[in-house]
Amino acid sequence: MHRILWPFLSRWFRHGASRRPGGLRVAAATALWALVLLVGAGAARAEGGVNLTTFELARNDDGLQLTFSAKFELPKSVEDALQKGVPLVFVAEANVFRDRWYWRDKRVNDATRTWRLAYQPLTRKYRVTFGGLNQNHDNLADALASLSSSVNWKIAEPSQLEGDGYYVEFRYELDTSQMPRPMQIGIGGQADWSLRADRMRRLN
């Protein structure tokens, strides 16, 4: 982004600042705010702690399908809580919208998938529950891999997609709202518990 922004700022300094009183001060302030926004945007991406390595949409006769995969590690405090018997819930949510010039965009459909991760100290295994099915894993890495991806997930029916102008807003996160209330209060505002990734993609 800075490669796109810098030429604009350079032209502003050379031309805009020289044509008006106080232009240099305005240009300096503009540059400063632009840098602040760039740094802030980078920090926001880093705080999410989740990297979407795959994000693909496919529209066909079966409707609209989403394939995604995410990669992340649990921060130490989150892993400690898991080891002490606190289950973790991960949620993927996809909202399908259609552009409307005369009103706010129309929500065509929304789809949600939920995974529950728990540690079993007696067997020293990690259990992932998804859609009523349980799967045990010998280590945390395998457990996280099993709950951080979906292939050909249908997020809209063919009848819901007519013409063009559609886009998808996607979110994948550790859902702390489903944790015990006392824990929600205790972890409020802690960056370690803000595991999240967002993506917006238009249909071609």
C-alpha atoms as a PDB file:
ATOM      1  CA  MET A   1       0.000   0.000   0.000  1.00  0.00           C
ATOM      2  CA  HIS A   2       2.811   2.421   0.764  1.00  0.00           C
ATOM      3  CA  ARG A   3       4.073   1.975  -2.814  1.00  0.00           C
ATOM      4  CA  ILE A   4       0.721   3.231  -4.055  1.00  0.00           C
ATOM      5  CA  LEU A   5       0.404   6.042  -1.555  1.00  0.00           C
ATOM      6  CA  TRP A   6       3.931   7.459  -1.766  1.00  0.00           C
ATOM      7  CA  PRO A   7       3.731   8.775  -5.394  1.00  0.00           C
ATOM      8  CA  PHE A   8       0.537  10.624  -4.472  1.00  0.00           C
ATOM      9  CA  LEU A   9       2.156  12.189  -1.427  1.00  0.00           C
ATOM     10  CA  SER A  10       5.230  13.128  -3.447  1.00  0.00           C
ATOM     11  CA  ARG A  11       3.115  14.980  -6.006  1.00  0.00           C
ATOM     12  CA  TRP A  12       1.241  16.683  -3.181  1.00  0.00           C
ATOM     13  CA  PHE A  13       4.496  17.960  -1.709  1.00  0.00           C
ATOM     14  CA  ARG A  14       5.807  19.183  -5.077  1.00  0.00           C
ATOM     15  CA  HIS A  15       2.665  20.845  -6.403  1.00  0.00           C
ATOM     16  CA  GLY A  16      -0.136  21.153  -3.848  1.00  0.00           C
ATOM     17  CA  ALA A  17       2.069  22.558  -1.096  1.00  0.00           C
ATOM     18  CA  SER A  18       3.565  25.231  -3.325  1.00  0.00           C
ATOM     19  CA  ARG A  19       0.258  26.584  -4.589  1.00  0.00           C
ATOM     20  CA  ARG A  20      -1.434  27.571  -1.356  1.00  0.00           C
ATOM     21  CA  PRO A  21      -0.557  29.298   1.959  1.00  0.00           C
ATOM     22  CA  GLY A  22       0.323  26.839   4.624  1.00  0.00           C
ATOM     23  CA  GLY A  23       0.399  24.098   2.013  1.00  0.00           C
ATOM     24  CA  LEU A  24       3.592  22.623   3.371  1.00  0.00           C
ATOM     25  CA  ARG A  25       2.070  22.205   6.816  1.00  0.00           C
ATOM     26  CA  VAL A  26      -1.046  20.582   5.328  1.00  0.00           C
ATOM     27  CA  ALA A  27       1.060  18.243   3.213  1.00  0.00           C
ATOM     28  CA  ALA A  28       3.169  17.273   6.215  1.00  0.00           C
ATOM     29  CA  ALA A  29       0.053  16.578   8.262  1.00  0.00           C
ATOM     30  CA  THR A  30      -1.413  14.514   5.414  1.00  0.00           C
ATOM     31  CA  ALA A  31       1.753  12.460   5.146  1.00  0.00           C
ATOM     32  CA  LEU A  32       1.858  11.913   8.896  1.00  0.00           C
ATOM     33  CA  TRP A  33      -1.740  10.712   9.050  1.00  0.00           C
ATOM     34  CA  ALA A  34      -1.170   8.426   6.069  1.00  0.00           C
ATOM     35  CA  LEU A  35       1.795   6.814   7.813  1.00  0.00           C
ATOM     36  CA  VAL A  36      -0.216   6.434  11.023  1.00  0.00           C
ATOM     37  CA  LEU A  37      -3.006   4.715   9.117  1.00  0.00           C
ATOM     38  CA  LEU A  38      -0.556   2.401   7.358  1.00  0.00           C
ATOM     39  CA  VAL A  39       1.090   1.414  10.625  1.00  0.00           C
ATOM     40  CA  GLY A  40      -2.299   0.957  12.264  1.00  0.00           C
ATOM     41  CA  ALA A  41      -3.545  -1.230   9.438  1.00  0.00           C
ATOM     42  CA  GLY A  42      -0.440  -3.413   9.682  1.00  0.00           C
ATOM     43  CA  ALA A  43      -0.874  -3.725  13.451  1.00  0.00           C
ATOM     44  CA  ALA A  44      -4.512  -4.697  13.023  1.00  0.00           C
ATOM     45  CA  ARG A  45      -3.568  -7.473  10.608  1.00  0.00           C
ATOM     46  CA  ALA A  46      -0.886  -8.755  12.959  1.00  0.00           C
ATOM     47  CA  GLU A  47      -3.148  -8.753  16.005  1.00  0.00           C
ATOM     48  CA  GLY A  48      -5.553 -11.174  14.336  1.00  0.00           C
ATOM     49  CA  GLY A  49      -2.938 -13.907  14.605  1.00  0.00           C
ATOM     50  CA  VAL A  50      -4.636 -15.969  11.853  1.00  0.00           C
ATOM     51  CA  ASN A  51      -3.306 -16.277   8.303  1.00  0.00           C
ATOM     52  CA  LEU A  52      -5.760 -17.300   5.581  1.00  0.00           C
ATOM     53  CA  THR A  53      -3.567 -19.421   3.334  1.00  0.00           C
ATOM     54  CA  THR A  54      -6.452 -20.388   1.020  1.00  0.00           C
ATOM     55  CA  PHE A  55      -9.633 -18.516   0.171  1.00  0.00           C
ATOM     56  CA  GLU A  56     -11.526 -19.497  -2.979  1.00  0.00           C
ATOM     57  CA  LEU A  57     -15.094 -19.051  -4.229  1.00  0.00           C
ATOM     58  CA  ALA A  58     -16.698 -21.226  -6.894  1.00  0.00           C
ATOM     59  CA  ARG A  59     -20.098 -20.528  -8.452  1.00  0.00           C
ATOM     60  CA  ASN A  60     -21.630 -23.436 -10.325  1.00  0.00           C
ATOM     61  CA  ASP A  61     -24.856 -25.382 -10.788  1.00  0.00           C
ATOM     62  CA  ASP A  62     -24.766 -26.407  -7.122  1.00  0.00           C
ATOM     63  CA  GLY A  63     -24.695 -22.803  -5.909  1.00  0.00           C
ATOM     64  CA  LEU A  64     -21.849 -20.876  -4.323  1.00  0.00           C
ATOM     65  CA  GLN A  65     -19.085 -22.856  -2.624  1.00  0.00           C
ATOM     66  CA  LEU A  66     -16.274 -21.651  -0.395  1.00  0.00           C
ATOM     67  CA  THR A  67     -12.930 -23.326   0.210  1.00  0.00           C
ATOM     68  CA  PHE A  68     -10.658 -21.885   2.872  1.00  0.00           C
ATOM     69  CA  SER A  69      -7.781 -22.849   5.108  1.00  0.00           C
ATOM     70  CA  ALA A  70      -6.263 -20.902   7.982  1.00  0.00           C
ATOM     71  CA  LYS A  71      -2.960 -21.238   9.780  1.00  0.00           C
ATOM     72  CA  PHE A  72      -2.221 -20.109  13.319  1.00  0.00           C
ATOM     73  CA  GLU A  73      -0.763 -21.137  16.666  1.00  0.00           C
ATOM     74  CA  LEU A  74      -2.418 -20.813  20.033  1.00  0.00           C
ATOM     75  CA  PRO A  75      -0.823 -18.148  22.253  1.00  0.00           C
ATOM     76  CA  LYS A  76       0.606 -19.492  25.507  1.00  0.00           C
ATOM     77  CA  SER A  77      -2.238 -18.222  27.691  1.00  0.00           C
ATOM     78  CA  VAL A  78      -4.862 -19.770  25.390  1.00  0.00           C
ATOM     79  CA  GLU A  79      -3.067 -23.110  25.272  1.00  0.00           C
ATOM     80  CA  ASP A  80      -2.710 -23.102  29.062  1.00  0.00           C
ATOM     81  CA  ALA A  81      -6.454 -22.593  29.440  1.00  0.00           C
ATOM     82  CA  LEU A  82      -7.118 -25.456  27.022  1.00  0.00           C
ATOM     83  CA  GLN A  83      -4.773 -27.765  28.944  1.00  0.00           C
ATOM     84  CA  LYS A  84      -6.645 -26.908  32.165  1.00  0.00           C
ATOM     85  CA  GLY A  85      -9.955 -28.080  30.758  1.00  0.00           C
ATOM     86  CA  VAL A  86     -11.399 -24.972  29.104  1.00  0.00           C
ATOM     87  CA  PRO A  87     -12.905 -25.868  25.696  1.00  0.00           C
ATOM     88  CA  LEU A  88     -12.303 -23.521  22.767  1.00  0.00           C
ATOM     89  CA  VAL A  89     -14.878 -22.750  20.087  1.00  0.00           C
ATOM     90  CA  PHE A  90     -13.872 -21.651  16.581  1.00  0.00           C
ATOM     91  CA  VAL A  91     -16.403 -20.198  14.163  1.00  0.00           C
ATOM     92  CA  ALA A  92     -16.339 -19.570  10.423  1.00  0.00           C
ATOM     93  CA  GLU A  93     -19.056 -17.272   9.096  1.00  0.00           C
ATOM     94  CA  ALA A  94     -19.743 -16.351   5.476  1.00  0.00           C
ATOM     95  CA  ASN A  95     -22.263 -13.680   4.495  1.00  0.00           C
ATOM     96  CA  VAL A  96     -23.327 -13.335   0.867  1.00  0.00           C
ATOM     97  CA  PHE A  97     -24.435  -9.867  -0.308  1.00  0.00           C
ATOM     98  CA  ARG A  98     -25.697  -8.362  -3.546  1.00  0.00           C
ATOM     99  CA  ASP A  99     -25.060  -4.758  -4.561  1.00  0.00           C
ATOM    100  CA  ARG A 100     -28.022  -2.370  -4.574  1.00  0.00           C
ATOM    101  CA  TRP A 101     -27.502   1.192  -5.772  1.00  0.00           C
ATOM    102  CA  TYR A 102     -30.788   2.471  -4.323  1.00  0.00           C
ATOM    103  CA  TRP A 103     -30.472   1.033  -0.801  1.00  0.00           C
ATOM    104  CA  ARG A 104     -28.068  -0.810   1.435  1.00  0.00           C
ATOM    105  CA  ASP A 105     -26.725  -4.019  -0.068  1.00  0.00           C
ATOM    106  CA  LYS A 106     -29.006  -7.027   0.230  1.00  0.00           C
ATOM    107  CA  ARG A 107     -27.931  -9.952   2.415  1.00  0.00           C
ATOM    108  CA  VAL A 108     -28.648 -12.970   0.251  1.00  0.00           C
ATOM    109  CA  ASN A 109     -27.602 -15.695   2.664  1.00  0.00           C
ATOM    110  CA  ASP A 110     -25.361 -16.468   5.604  1.00  0.00           C
ATOM    111  CA  ALA A 111     -23.666 -19.701   6.608  1.00  0.00           C
ATOM    112  CA  THR A 112     -21.847 -20.697   9.779  1.00  0.00           C
ATOM    113  CA  ARG A 113     -19.631 -23.575  10.806  1.00  0.00           C
ATOM    114  CA  THR A 114     -18.547 -24.253  14.392  1.00  0.00           C
ATOM    115  CA  TRP A 115     -15.769 -26.418  15.829  1.00  0.00           C
ATOM    116  CA  ARG A 116     -15.233 -27.222  19.509  1.00  0.00           C
ATOM    117  CA  LEU A 117     -11.753 -28.118  20.744  1.00  0.00           C
ATOM    118  CA  ALA A 118     -11.174 -29.810  24.104  1.00  0.00           C
ATOM    119  CA  TYR A 119      -8.231 -31.500  25.793  1.00  0.00           C
ATOM    120  CA  GLN A 120      -8.696 -34.862  27.555  1.00  0.00           C
ATOM    121  CA  PRO A 121      -6.029 -35.195  30.274  1.00  0.00           C
ATOM    122  CA  LEU A 122      -6.685 -38.898  30.950  1.00  0.00           C
ATOM    123  CA  THR A 123      -5.965 -39.936  27.363  1.00  0.00           C
ATOM    124  CA  ARG A 124      -3.762 -36.908  26.567  1.00  0.00           C
ATOM    125  CA  LYS A 125      -5.665 -36.404  23.354  1.00  0.00           C
ATOM    126  CA  TYR A 126      -7.340 -33.412  21.743  1.00  0.00           C
ATOM    127  CA  ARG A 127     -10.962 -33.822  20.720  1.00  0.00           C
ATOM    128  CA  VAL A 128     -12.519 -31.783  17.917  1.00  0.00           C
ATOM    129  CA  THR A 129     -16.310 -31.769  17.662  1.00  0.00           C
ATOM    130  CA  PHE A 130     -17.922 -30.660  14.420  1.00  0.00           C
ATOM    131  CA  GLY A 131     -21.524 -31.168  13.389  1.00  0.00           C
ATOM    132  CA  GLY A 132     -22.104 -33.793  16.075  1.00  0.00           C
ATOM    133  CA  LEU A 133     -19.046 -35.801  15.054  1.00  0.00           C
ATOM    134  CA  ASN A 134     -15.995 -36.247  17.297  1.00  0.00           C
ATOM    135  CA  GLN A 135     -12.430 -36.797  16.192  1.00  0.00           C
ATOM    136  CA  ASN A 136      -9.453 -37.372  18.485  1.00  0.00           C
ATOM    137  CA  HIS A 137      -5.920 -36.161  17.744  1.00  0.00           C
ATOM    138  CA  ASP A 138      -2.616 -37.055  19.359  1.00  0.00           C
ATOM    139  CA  ASN A 139      -1.225 -33.523  19.228  1.00  0.00           C
ATOM    140  CA  LEU A 140      -2.406 -29.938  19.138  1.00  0.00           C
ATOM    141  CA  ALA A 141      -1.076 -29.181  15.661  1.00  0.00           C
ATOM    142  CA  ASP A 142      -3.213 -31.906  14.075  1.00  0.00           C
ATOM    143  CA  ALA A 143      -6.247 -30.779  16.045  1.00  0.00           C
ATOM    144  CA  LEU A 144      -5.866 -27.175  14.891  1.00  0.00           C
ATOM    145  CA  ALA A 145      -5.395 -28.289  11.283  1.00  0.00           C
ATOM    146  CA  SER A 146      -8.682 -30.215  11.409  1.00  0.00           C
ATOM    147  CA  LEU A 147     -10.717 -27.225  12.601  1.00  0.00           C
ATOM    148  CA  SER A 148      -9.264 -24.493  10.424  1.00  0.00           C
ATOM    149  CA  SER A 149     -10.367 -25.436   6.923  1.00  0.00           C
ATOM    150  CA  SER A 150     -13.379 -26.330   4.789  1.00  0.00           C
ATOM    151  CA  VAL A 151     -13.577 -27.613   1.221  1.00  0.00           C
ATOM    152  CA  ASN A 152     -16.506 -26.914  -1.115  1.00  0.00           C
ATOM    153  CA  TRP A 153     -18.635 -25.489   1.683  1.00  0.00           C
ATOM    154  CA  LYS A 154     -21.976 -24.420   0.162  1.00  0.00           C
ATOM    155  CA  ILE A 155     -22.808 -20.912   1.344  1.00  0.00           C
ATOM    156  CA  ALA A 156     -25.656 -20.084  -1.079  1.00  0.00           C
ATOM    157  CA  GLU A 157     -28.161 -21.996  -3.196  1.00  0.00           C
ATOM    158  CA  PRO A 158     -28.395 -21.571  -6.979  1.00  0.00           C
ATOM    159  CA  SER A 159     -31.851 -19.995  -6.621  1.00  0.00           C
ATOM    160  CA  GLN A 160     -30.339 -17.260  -4.420  1.00  0.00           C
ATOM    161  CA  LEU A 161     -27.900 -16.154  -7.122  1.00  0.00           C
ATOM    162  CA  GLU A 162     -29.434 -14.382 -10.108  1.00  0.00           C
ATOM    163  CA  GLY A 163     -27.292 -12.180 -12.294  1.00  0.00           C
ATOM    164  CA  ASP A 164     -24.149 -10.447 -11.048  1.00  0.00           C
ATOM    165  CA  GLY A 165     -23.032  -8.046  -8.339  1.00  0.00           C
ATOM    166  CA  TYR A 166     -22.429 -10.495  -5.474  1.00  0.00           C
ATOM    167  CA  TYR A 167     -19.708 -10.472  -2.860  1.00  0.00           C
ATOM    168  CA  VAL A 168     -18.833 -12.465   0.267  1.00  0.00           C
ATOM    169  CA  GLU A 169     -17.757 -11.221   3.675  1.00  0.00           C
ATOM    170  CA  PHE A 170     -15.951 -13.934   5.625  1.00  0.00           C
ATOM    171  CA  ARG A 171     -14.790 -14.201   9.217  1.00  0.00           C
ATOM    172  CA  TYR A 172     -12.915 -16.963  11.054  1.00  0.00           C
ATOM    173  CA  GLU A 173     -12.232 -16.562  14.755  1.00  0.00           C
ATOM    174  CA  LEU A 174     -11.879 -17.961  18.232  1.00  0.00           C
ATOM    175  CA  ASP A 175     -15.345 -17.230  19.645  1.00  0.00           C
ATOM    176  CA  THR A 176     -14.765 -16.155  23.241  1.00  0.00           C
ATOM    177  CA  SER A 177     -18.466 -15.316  23.651  1.00  0.00           C
ATOM    178  CA  GLN A 178     -19.143 -19.053  24.025  1.00  0.00           C
ATOM    179  CA  MET A 179     -16.737 -19.418  26.936  1.00  0.00           C
ATOM    180  CA  PRO A 180     -17.840 -19.406  30.600  1.00  0.00           C
ATOM    181  CA  ARG A 181     -18.928 -15.932  31.664  1.00  0.00           C
ATOM    182  CA  PRO A 182     -16.238 -15.490  34.354  1.00  0.00           C
ATOM    183  CA  MET A 183     -13.552 -16.262  31.773  1.00  0.00           C
ATOM    184  CA  GLN A 184     -15.028 -13.768  29.309  1.00  0.00           C
ATOM    185  CA  ILE A 185     -14.617 -11.062  31.936  1.00  0.00           C
ATOM    186  CA  GLY A 186     -11.097 -12.175  32.814  1.00  0.00           C
ATOM    187  CA  ILE A 187      -9.777 -12.210  29.237  1.00  0.00           C
ATOM    188  CA  GLY A 188     -11.566  -9.081  28.068  1.00  0.00           C
ATOM    189  CA  GLY A 189      -9.208  -6.869  26.083  1.00  0.00           C
ATOM    190  CA  GLN A 190      -6.308  -9.348  26.090  1.00  0.00           C
ATOM    191  CA  ALA A 191      -4.694  -9.493  22.655  1.00  0.00           C
ATOM    192  CA  ASP A 192      -3.759 -13.178  23.038  1.00  0.00           C
ATOM    193  CA  TRP A 193      -7.426 -14.112  22.818  1.00  0.00           C
ATOM    194  CA  SER A 194      -8.109 -12.109  19.652  1.00  0.00           C
ATOM    195  CA  LEU A 195      -7.556 -14.842  17.073  1.00  0.00           C
ATOM    196  CA  ARG A 196      -9.346 -13.712  13.937  1.00  0.00           C
ATOM    197  CA  ALA A 197      -9.124 -13.335  10.171  1.00  0.00           C
ATOM    198  CA  ASP A 198     -11.451 -11.405   7.843  1.00  0.00           C
ATOM    199  CA  ARG A 199     -11.763 -11.424   4.082  1.00  0.00           C
ATOM    200  CA  MET A 200     -14.053  -9.799   1.513  1.00  0.00           C
ATOM    201  CA  ARG A 201     -14.172 -11.176  -2.021  1.00  0.00           C
ATOM    202  CA  ARG A 202     -16.329 -10.330  -5.035  1.00  0.00           C
ATOM    203  CA  LEU A 203     -17.597 -12.978  -7.411  1.00  0.00           C
ATOM    204  CA  ASN A 204     -16.115 -12.687 -10.864  1.00  0.00           C
END
